[in-house]
């Protein structure tokens, strides 16, 4: 009997011991016994492995202690001090202690190790206090600006910190972070950051067209605008949203007309061609979309680049208008073929060589044959081509085919 009582008693003590070692009061007591920073670090590390929501007040008290401790100047102690902060921050993040976020923000400035700074930012993100979101966005903007100025050298040594920041913004899932994350997702930062940013922007919004207008207008680098236009075209945004962005893309390309920098000129044309191609594929039926394509076409006529480059740009316009196929789109095609007919009849120059002009005319004629049903104006202009001795046999044959397609 005595033996049984002893066994029961020992079992009770053992269970009580296990309970105590997972109790916040127990850990507060052992933490208070730490005599230096290294011991405090070790105690917090142990706490991090056992903490639950009952540890909230203890974690907040430790954070206050760390803030009051300030920046460690002694290099030999600094590593222990910053790891002391690290384990506390990770615990606060895993427990999502809202009140801890403002304290972690203060401690972020105390820490010099960029890996630990990244962990602090990640913990702030896990907590999810909205009061910190604008600060995190601004921090991402600052890193992007530094990267713009100096490339990889501009953010050298802080990659892990930026990685933690991207992770934090992903926790918020807020569309306001899109433009800052997008810059990090294209070939700018390291592959590790770019891959994370690419996944994170999907979390912050599934409708990027709704938050990209400002970036299309104000982003300085046209290569980034082109990447954004393509990203939105392939996104889950509605067609109306995509079309709005493509129109802005054409407009942005037109706004840079007159640049003498060859790289800017090339990117300008690529942006317009990309946006117009997408408008065609989206069958953008709005009159505004057609007006933008017509403006681009008029500008292409003015730009005196190599004939091959210019012809390809104009063929892009024709292809888009053919796909859109609205009365407004057909009207643009009719006006363009009328221009060629009038110039040819008068014996005036069209602005293109014979071969280039024939390519453009062929594309317009075929487009009208596919889109201009019931258009008397299209019939009149196609008939002019078919019956004009000034045109070669190939163009007259194309016009006859188009007329037959239209039922004439």
Protein backbone atom coordinates (compact mmCIF):
# COMPACT_ATOMS: atom_id res chain seq x y z
CA UNK A 1 0.00 0.00 0.00
CA UNK A 2 2.79 2.37 0.96
CA UNK A 3 4.57 1.55 -2.28
CA UNK A 4 1.48 2.43 -4.29
CA UNK A 5 1.12 5.77 -2.48
CA UNK A 6 4.76 6.59 -3.20
CA UNK A 7 4.27 5.83 -6.92
CA UNK A 8 1.14 7.99 -7.04
CA UNK A 9 2.97 10.80 -5.26
CA UNK A 10 5.96 10.70 -7.60
CA UNK A 11 3.68 10.64 -10.64
CA UNK A 12 1.84 13.71 -9.31
CA UNK A 13 5.11 15.57 -8.74
CA UNK A 14 6.35 14.63 -12.22
CA UNK A 15 3.13 15.86 -13.86
CA UNK A 16 3.23 19.03 -11.80
CA UNK A 17 6.82 19.56 -12.95
CA UNK A 18 5.84 19.16 -16.59
CA UNK A 19 2.99 21.62 -16.15
CA UNK A 20 5.24 24.10 -14.43
CA UNK A 21 7.76 24.00 -17.26
CA UNK A 22 5.05 25.09 -19.70
CA UNK A 23 3.64 27.77 -17.43
CA UNK A 24 4.28 31.49 -18.13
CA UNK A 25 4.83 32.20 -14.44
CA UNK A 26 7.52 29.55 -14.28
CA UNK A 27 9.33 31.02 -17.26
CA UNK A 28 9.00 34.54 -15.93
CA UNK A 29 10.75 33.34 -12.78
CA UNK A 30 13.62 31.60 -14.55
CA UNK A 31 14.00 34.55 -16.94
CA UNK A 32 14.34 36.93 -13.97
CA UNK A 33 17.26 34.85 -12.73
CA UNK A 34 19.36 35.56 -15.83
CA UNK A 35 22.44 37.56 -14.85
CA UNK A 36 23.61 38.83 -18.25
CA UNK A 37 22.56 39.30 -21.86
CA UNK A 38 23.78 35.88 -22.94
CA UNK A 39 21.66 34.18 -20.27
CA UNK A 40 18.67 36.34 -21.18
CA UNK A 41 19.11 35.26 -24.80
CA UNK A 42 19.21 31.59 -23.80
CA UNK A 43 16.13 31.95 -21.59
CA UNK A 44 14.15 33.69 -24.34
CA UNK A 45 15.17 30.99 -26.79
CA UNK A 46 13.74 28.40 -24.40
CA UNK A 47 10.60 30.49 -23.96
CA UNK A 48 10.17 30.62 -27.75
CA UNK A 49 9.92 26.83 -27.82
CA UNK A 50 7.17 26.71 -25.17
CA UNK A 51 5.20 29.94 -25.45
CA UNK A 52 1.47 30.14 -25.96
CA UNK A 53 -1.01 33.00 -25.59
CA UNK A 54 -0.55 33.00 -21.79
CA UNK A 55 3.00 34.29 -22.38
CA UNK A 56 1.78 37.56 -23.93
CA UNK A 57 2.51 39.84 -20.96
CA UNK A 58 5.93 38.25 -20.43
CA UNK A 59 6.91 38.82 -24.08
CA UNK A 60 5.73 42.43 -23.94
CA UNK A 61 7.73 43.02 -20.77
CA UNK A 62 10.85 41.56 -22.37
CA UNK A 63 10.38 43.79 -25.42
CA UNK A 64 10.10 46.83 -23.15
CA UNK A 65 13.29 45.74 -21.40
CA UNK A 66 15.06 45.47 -24.74
CA UNK A 67 13.91 48.92 -25.81
CA UNK A 68 15.13 50.40 -22.53
CA UNK A 69 18.42 48.54 -22.89
CA UNK A 70 19.03 50.44 -26.12
CA UNK A 71 21.69 49.85 -28.74
CA UNK A 72 24.53 47.61 -27.62
CA UNK A 73 27.83 49.39 -28.30
CA UNK A 74 30.09 46.58 -27.16
CA UNK A 75 30.85 44.50 -30.27
CA UNK A 76 31.57 41.36 -28.25
CA UNK A 77 28.15 41.53 -26.60
CA UNK A 78 26.18 42.85 -29.58
CA UNK A 79 25.62 39.45 -31.18
CA UNK A 80 24.06 38.06 -27.98
CA UNK A 81 21.96 41.20 -27.56
CA UNK A 82 20.63 41.05 -31.10
CA UNK A 83 19.85 37.32 -30.83
CA UNK A 84 18.03 38.12 -27.57
CA UNK A 85 15.85 40.45 -29.62
CA UNK A 86 15.55 37.89 -32.44
CA UNK A 87 13.99 35.14 -30.30
CA UNK A 88 11.62 37.60 -28.66
CA UNK A 89 10.53 38.99 -32.04
CA UNK A 90 9.90 35.53 -33.50
CA UNK A 91 7.82 34.59 -30.45
CA UNK A 92 5.80 37.81 -30.67
CA UNK A 93 5.19 37.11 -34.37
CA UNK A 94 4.14 33.51 -33.91
CA UNK A 95 1.73 34.54 -31.12
CA UNK A 96 0.48 37.52 -33.20
CA UNK A 97 0.75 39.91 -30.25
CA UNK A 98 -0.72 43.12 -31.67
CA UNK A 99 0.78 45.37 -29.01
CA UNK A 100 4.25 44.05 -29.85
CA UNK A 101 4.37 45.49 -33.37
CA UNK A 102 5.16 49.07 -32.34
CA UNK A 103 7.87 47.78 -30.01
CA UNK A 104 9.38 45.63 -32.74
CA UNK A 105 9.44 48.63 -35.03
CA UNK A 106 11.55 50.46 -32.45
CA UNK A 107 13.88 47.48 -32.02
CA UNK A 108 14.34 47.20 -35.78
CA UNK A 109 16.37 50.41 -35.63
CA UNK A 110 18.52 49.03 -32.80
CA UNK A 111 19.68 45.97 -34.73
CA UNK A 112 22.61 45.93 -37.17
CA UNK A 113 22.48 42.30 -38.37
CA UNK A 114 20.44 42.33 -41.60
CA UNK A 115 19.23 38.74 -41.14
CA UNK A 116 17.78 39.62 -37.74
CA UNK A 117 16.33 42.86 -39.12
CA UNK A 118 14.58 40.73 -41.76
CA UNK A 119 13.21 38.42 -39.06
CA UNK A 120 11.86 41.42 -37.16
CA UNK A 121 10.10 42.69 -40.28
CA UNK A 122 8.71 39.22 -40.92
CA UNK A 123 7.39 39.09 -37.34
CA UNK A 124 5.72 42.48 -37.78
CA UNK A 125 4.03 41.09 -40.89
CA UNK A 126 2.78 38.00 -39.06
CA UNK A 127 1.26 40.18 -36.35
CA UNK A 128 -0.55 42.11 -39.08
CA UNK A 129 -1.13 45.43 -37.30
CA UNK A 130 -2.36 47.74 -40.10
CA UNK A 131 -0.74 50.72 -38.40
CA UNK A 132 2.61 49.47 -39.67
CA UNK A 133 1.64 48.82 -43.29
CA UNK A 134 2.38 52.31 -44.65
CA UNK A 135 5.80 52.23 -42.96
CA UNK A 136 6.59 48.84 -44.51
CA UNK A 137 5.50 50.07 -47.94
CA UNK A 138 7.69 53.13 -47.58
CA UNK A 139 10.60 50.95 -46.51
CA UNK A 140 10.14 48.81 -49.63
CA UNK A 141 10.03 51.97 -51.73
CA UNK A 142 13.29 53.18 -50.17
CA UNK A 143 15.00 49.88 -50.98
CA UNK A 144 13.67 50.00 -54.54
CA UNK A 145 14.94 53.56 -54.95
CA UNK A 146 18.35 52.54 -53.63
CA UNK A 147 18.36 49.66 -56.09
CA UNK A 148 17.40 51.99 -58.95
CA UNK A 149 20.30 54.28 -58.14
CA UNK A 150 22.95 51.64 -57.61
CA UNK A 151 21.66 48.37 -59.02
CA UNK A 152 22.67 45.32 -57.01
CA UNK A 153 25.33 47.43 -55.29
CA UNK A 154 22.59 49.70 -53.96
CA UNK A 155 21.19 46.92 -51.78
CA UNK A 156 24.31 44.84 -51.28
CA UNK A 157 24.48 43.15 -47.87
CA UNK A 158 20.80 43.58 -47.02
CA UNK A 159 19.20 40.91 -49.20
CA UNK A 160 17.97 38.92 -46.18
CA UNK A 161 16.41 42.02 -44.71
CA UNK A 162 14.58 42.76 -47.97
CA UNK A 163 13.45 39.13 -48.12
CA UNK A 164 11.91 39.54 -44.66
CA UNK A 165 10.22 42.74 -45.76
CA UNK A 166 8.68 41.09 -48.82
CA UNK A 167 7.47 38.27 -46.57
CA UNK A 168 5.91 40.81 -44.22
CA UNK A 169 4.03 42.58 -47.00
CA UNK A 170 2.74 39.21 -48.17
CA UNK A 171 1.19 38.66 -44.74
CA UNK A 172 -0.85 41.87 -45.06
CA UNK A 173 -2.24 40.93 -48.48
CA UNK A 174 -2.97 44.60 -49.14
CA UNK A 175 -3.24 46.00 -52.71
CA UNK A 176 -1.37 49.16 -51.66
CA UNK A 177 1.84 47.10 -51.67
CA UNK A 178 1.49 45.98 -55.29
CA UNK A 179 3.62 48.62 -57.00
CA UNK A 180 6.46 48.21 -54.50
CA UNK A 181 6.45 44.45 -54.80
CA UNK A 182 6.17 44.47 -58.57
CA UNK A 183 9.51 46.24 -58.94
CA UNK A 184 11.09 43.51 -56.81
CA UNK A 185 9.50 40.75 -58.89
CA UNK A 186 11.16 41.54 -62.21
CA UNK A 187 14.87 41.20 -63.01
CA UNK A 188 16.18 43.66 -60.46
CA UNK A 189 16.92 41.92 -57.18
CA UNK A 190 18.39 38.46 -56.61
CA UNK A 191 16.46 35.46 -57.87
CA UNK A 192 15.50 34.51 -54.30
CA UNK A 193 13.80 37.86 -53.72
CA UNK A 194 12.26 37.97 -57.19
CA UNK A 195 10.67 34.55 -56.78
CA UNK A 196 9.21 35.48 -53.41
CA UNK A 197 7.96 38.85 -54.71
CA UNK A 198 6.36 37.12 -57.72
CA UNK A 199 4.38 34.87 -55.39
CA UNK A 200 3.62 37.70 -52.99
CA UNK A 201 2.05 40.04 -55.55
CA UNK A 202 -0.50 37.31 -56.26
CA UNK A 203 -1.48 37.47 -52.59
CA UNK A 204 -1.90 41.23 -52.41
CA UNK A 205 -4.39 41.39 -55.31
CA UNK A 206 -5.93 39.17 -57.97
CA UNK A 207 -6.96 42.29 -59.89
CA UNK A 208 -3.72 44.18 -60.60
CA UNK A 209 -5.39 46.32 -63.26
CA UNK A 210 -7.33 48.07 -60.48
CA UNK A 211 -4.14 49.30 -58.78
CA UNK A 212 -1.69 49.76 -61.67
CA UNK A 213 -2.85 52.98 -63.35
CA UNK A 214 -0.59 55.24 -61.30
CA UNK A 215 2.41 53.03 -61.98
CA UNK A 216 1.77 53.03 -65.75
CA UNK A 217 1.71 56.83 -65.71
CA UNK A 218 4.49 57.63 -63.25
CA UNK A 219 7.05 54.79 -63.45
CA UNK A 220 10.24 56.27 -64.90
CA UNK A 221 11.60 53.10 -66.46
CA UNK A 222 9.74 52.09 -69.60
CA UNK A 223 11.04 48.52 -69.40
CA UNK A 224 9.18 48.17 -66.11
CA UNK A 225 6.01 49.66 -67.66
CA UNK A 226 6.25 47.09 -70.48
CA UNK A 227 6.66 44.28 -67.96
CA UNK A 228 3.63 45.61 -66.04
CA UNK A 229 1.49 45.82 -69.19
CA UNK A 230 2.31 42.20 -70.00
CA UNK A 231 1.73 41.08 -66.42
CA UNK A 232 -1.72 42.64 -66.34
CA UNK A 233 -2.62 41.24 -69.76
CA UNK A 234 -1.90 37.74 -68.43
CA UNK A 235 -3.55 38.36 -65.04
CA UNK A 236 -7.00 37.53 -63.69
CA UNK A 237 -8.20 41.11 -64.06
CA UNK A 238 -11.37 41.65 -66.06
CA UNK A 239 -11.11 42.43 -69.77
CA UNK A 240 -12.41 45.93 -69.13
CA UNK A 241 -9.68 46.48 -66.55
CA UNK A 242 -7.02 45.11 -68.89
CA UNK A 243 -8.25 47.30 -71.76
CA UNK A 244 -8.06 50.39 -69.55
CA UNK A 245 -4.43 49.62 -68.73
CA UNK A 246 -3.53 48.91 -72.37
CA UNK A 247 -4.99 52.28 -73.39
CA UNK A 248 -2.88 53.94 -70.70
CA UNK A 249 0.12 52.02 -72.01
CA UNK A 250 -0.33 53.40 -75.53
CA UNK A 251 -0.86 56.87 -74.10
CA UNK A 252 2.31 56.59 -72.01
CA UNK A 253 4.27 55.55 -75.10
CA UNK A 254 2.88 58.48 -77.06
CA UNK A 255 3.83 60.85 -74.24
CA UNK A 256 7.54 60.15 -74.78
CA UNK A 257 7.47 61.18 -78.45
CA UNK A 258 10.50 63.21 -79.42
CA UNK A 259 13.06 61.52 -77.20
CA UNK A 260 16.49 61.46 -78.77
CA UNK A 261 17.81 58.67 -76.58
CA UNK A 262 17.90 55.50 -78.72
CA UNK A 263 17.09 53.18 -75.80
CA UNK A 264 14.11 55.30 -74.79
CA UNK A 265 12.88 55.40 -78.39
CA UNK A 266 13.13 51.62 -78.70
CA UNK A 267 11.28 51.03 -75.45
CA UNK A 268 8.67 53.60 -76.39
CA UNK A 269 7.86 51.75 -79.59
CA UNK A 270 7.91 48.37 -77.84
CA UNK A 271 5.47 49.66 -75.22
CA UNK A 272 3.02 50.96 -77.83
CA UNK A 273 3.28 47.84 -79.98
CA UNK A 274 2.76 45.58 -76.95
CA UNK A 275 -0.26 47.53 -75.71
CA UNK A 276 -1.85 47.72 -79.17
CA UNK A 277 -1.30 44.00 -79.79
CA UNK A 278 -3.02 43.29 -76.48
CA UNK A 279 -5.91 45.61 -77.34
CA UNK A 280 -6.44 43.61 -80.51
CA UNK A 281 -6.31 40.28 -78.71
CA UNK A 282 -8.78 41.60 -76.13
CA UNK A 283 -11.05 42.81 -78.95
CA UNK A 284 -11.23 46.19 -77.25
CA UNK A 285 -14.44 47.59 -78.70
CA UNK A 286 -14.37 50.97 -76.95
CA UNK A 287 -14.02 54.01 -79.25
CA UNK A 288 -11.19 55.23 -77.00
CA UNK A 289 -9.14 52.11 -77.73
CA UNK A 290 -9.58 52.62 -81.47
CA UNK A 291 -8.65 56.30 -81.18
CA UNK A 292 -5.42 55.34 -79.40
CA UNK A 293 -4.50 52.87 -82.13
CA UNK A 294 -5.20 55.53 -84.76
CA UNK A 295 -3.00 58.03 -82.89
CA UNK A 296 -0.22 55.48 -82.74
CA UNK A 297 -0.59 54.83 -86.48
CA UNK A 298 -0.38 58.56 -87.23
CA UNK A 299 2.77 58.80 -85.13
CA UNK A 300 4.31 55.75 -86.83
CA UNK A 301 3.89 57.61 -90.10
CA UNK A 302 5.88 60.55 -88.73
CA UNK A 303 8.77 58.52 -87.30
CA UNK A 304 11.53 58.02 -89.83
CA UNK A 305 13.09 54.81 -88.61
CA UNK A 306 14.11 51.99 -90.90
CA UNK A 307 11.36 50.94 -93.29
CA UNK A 308 11.22 47.40 -91.88
CA UNK A 309 10.73 48.59 -88.29
CA UNK A 310 8.09 51.11 -89.27
CA UNK A 311 6.18 48.69 -91.49
CA UNK A 312 6.01 46.10 -88.70
CA UNK A 313 4.59 48.72 -86.34
CA UNK A 314 1.91 49.71 -88.82
CA UNK A 315 1.06 46.08 -89.52
CA UNK A 316 0.58 45.69 -85.76
CA UNK A 317 -2.00 48.49 -85.88
CA UNK A 318 -3.84 46.94 -88.82
CA UNK A 319 -3.92 43.51 -87.17
CA UNK A 320 -5.38 44.99 -83.96
CA UNK A 321 -8.06 46.95 -85.80
CA UNK A 322 -9.01 43.85 -87.80
CA UNK A 323 -9.48 41.86 -84.60
CA UNK A 324 -11.51 44.64 -82.97
CA UNK A 325 -13.68 44.92 -86.10
CA UNK A 326 -16.09 47.56 -84.75
CA UNK A 327 -17.51 50.23 -87.10
CA UNK A 328 -14.99 52.68 -85.59
CA UNK A 329 -12.10 50.29 -86.32
CA UNK A 330 -13.30 49.71 -89.88
CA UNK A 331 -13.59 53.47 -90.34
CA UNK A 332 -9.90 53.92 -89.51
CA UNK A 333 -8.95 51.27 -92.04
CA UNK A 334 -11.12 52.93 -94.69
CA UNK A 335 -9.56 56.33 -94.02
CA UNK A 336 -6.08 54.88 -94.37
CA UNK A 337 -6.80 53.13 -97.68
CA UNK A 338 -8.49 56.30 -98.92
CA UNK A 339 -5.30 58.21 -98.12
CA UNK A 340 -3.30 55.81 -100.31
CA UNK A 341 -5.87 55.93 -103.08
CA UNK A 342 -5.97 59.72 -103.13
CA UNK A 343 -2.20 60.06 -103.12
CA UNK A 344 -1.80 57.43 -105.82
CA UNK A 345 -4.42 59.06 -108.05
CA UNK A 346 -2.77 62.47 -107.71
CA UNK A 347 0.64 61.02 -108.39
CA UNK A 348 1.82 62.23 -104.97
CA UNK A 349 4.17 60.44 -102.63
CA UNK A 350 2.56 58.33 -99.92
CA UNK A 351 5.55 58.58 -97.61
CA UNK A 352 6.52 54.95 -98.24
CA UNK A 353 8.53 53.17 -100.86
CA UNK A 354 6.75 51.01 -103.41
CA UNK A 355 7.38 47.74 -101.59
CA UNK A 356 6.53 49.12 -98.14
CA UNK A 357 3.37 50.78 -99.45
CA UNK A 358 2.28 47.54 -101.12
CA UNK A 359 2.70 45.62 -97.85
CA UNK A 360 0.57 48.12 -95.96
CA UNK A 361 -2.09 48.24 -98.67
CA UNK A 362 -2.28 44.45 -98.85
CA UNK A 363 -2.82 44.24 -95.08
CA UNK A 364 -5.51 46.93 -95.12
CA UNK A 365 -7.33 45.34 -98.07
CA UNK A 366 -7.36 41.91 -96.40
CA UNK A 367 -8.53 43.43 -93.12
CA UNK A 368 -11.39 45.22 -94.83
CA UNK A 369 -12.35 42.02 -96.63
CA UNK A 370 -12.74 40.35 -93.24
CA UNK A 371 -14.49 43.19 -91.39
CA UNK A 372 -16.25 45.71 -93.64
CA UNK A 373 -19.51 43.96 -94.50
CA UNK A 374 -22.30 46.37 -95.46
CA UNK A 375 -19.86 49.30 -95.68
CA UNK A 376 -20.40 51.29 -98.84
CA UNK A 377 -17.29 53.37 -98.10
CA UNK A 378 -15.15 50.24 -97.95
CA UNK A 379 -16.71 49.02 -101.19
CA UNK A 380 -15.90 52.33 -102.92
CA UNK A 381 -12.24 52.34 -101.83
CA UNK A 382 -11.68 48.67 -102.65
CA UNK A 383 -13.23 49.20 -106.07
CA UNK A 384 -10.85 52.12 -106.64
CA UNK A 385 -7.91 49.80 -105.97
CA UNK A 386 -9.29 47.09 -108.22
CA UNK A 387 -9.82 49.45 -111.14
CA UNK A 388 -6.77 51.72 -110.73
CA UNK A 389 -4.13 51.27 -113.39
CA UNK A 390 -1.61 52.90 -111.04
CA UNK A 391 -1.60 49.82 -108.83
CA UNK A 392 0.14 46.63 -109.76
CA UNK A 393 -1.68 43.41 -110.54
CA UNK A 394 -1.11 41.83 -107.08
CA UNK A 395 -2.92 44.67 -105.27
CA UNK A 396 -5.81 44.67 -107.77
CA UNK A 397 -6.19 40.91 -107.24
CA UNK A 398 -6.24 41.40 -103.44
CA UNK A 399 -8.93 44.06 -103.79
CA UNK A 400 -11.05 41.77 -105.98
CA UNK A 401 -10.78 38.98 -103.38
CA UNK A 402 -11.84 41.35 -100.63
CA UNK A 403 -14.83 42.56 -102.61
CA UNK A 404 -15.94 38.98 -103.20
CA UNK A 405 -15.65 38.26 -99.46
CA UNK A 406 -17.92 41.22 -98.84
CA UNK A 407 -20.48 39.84 -101.29
CA UNK A 408 -19.76 42.09 -104.26
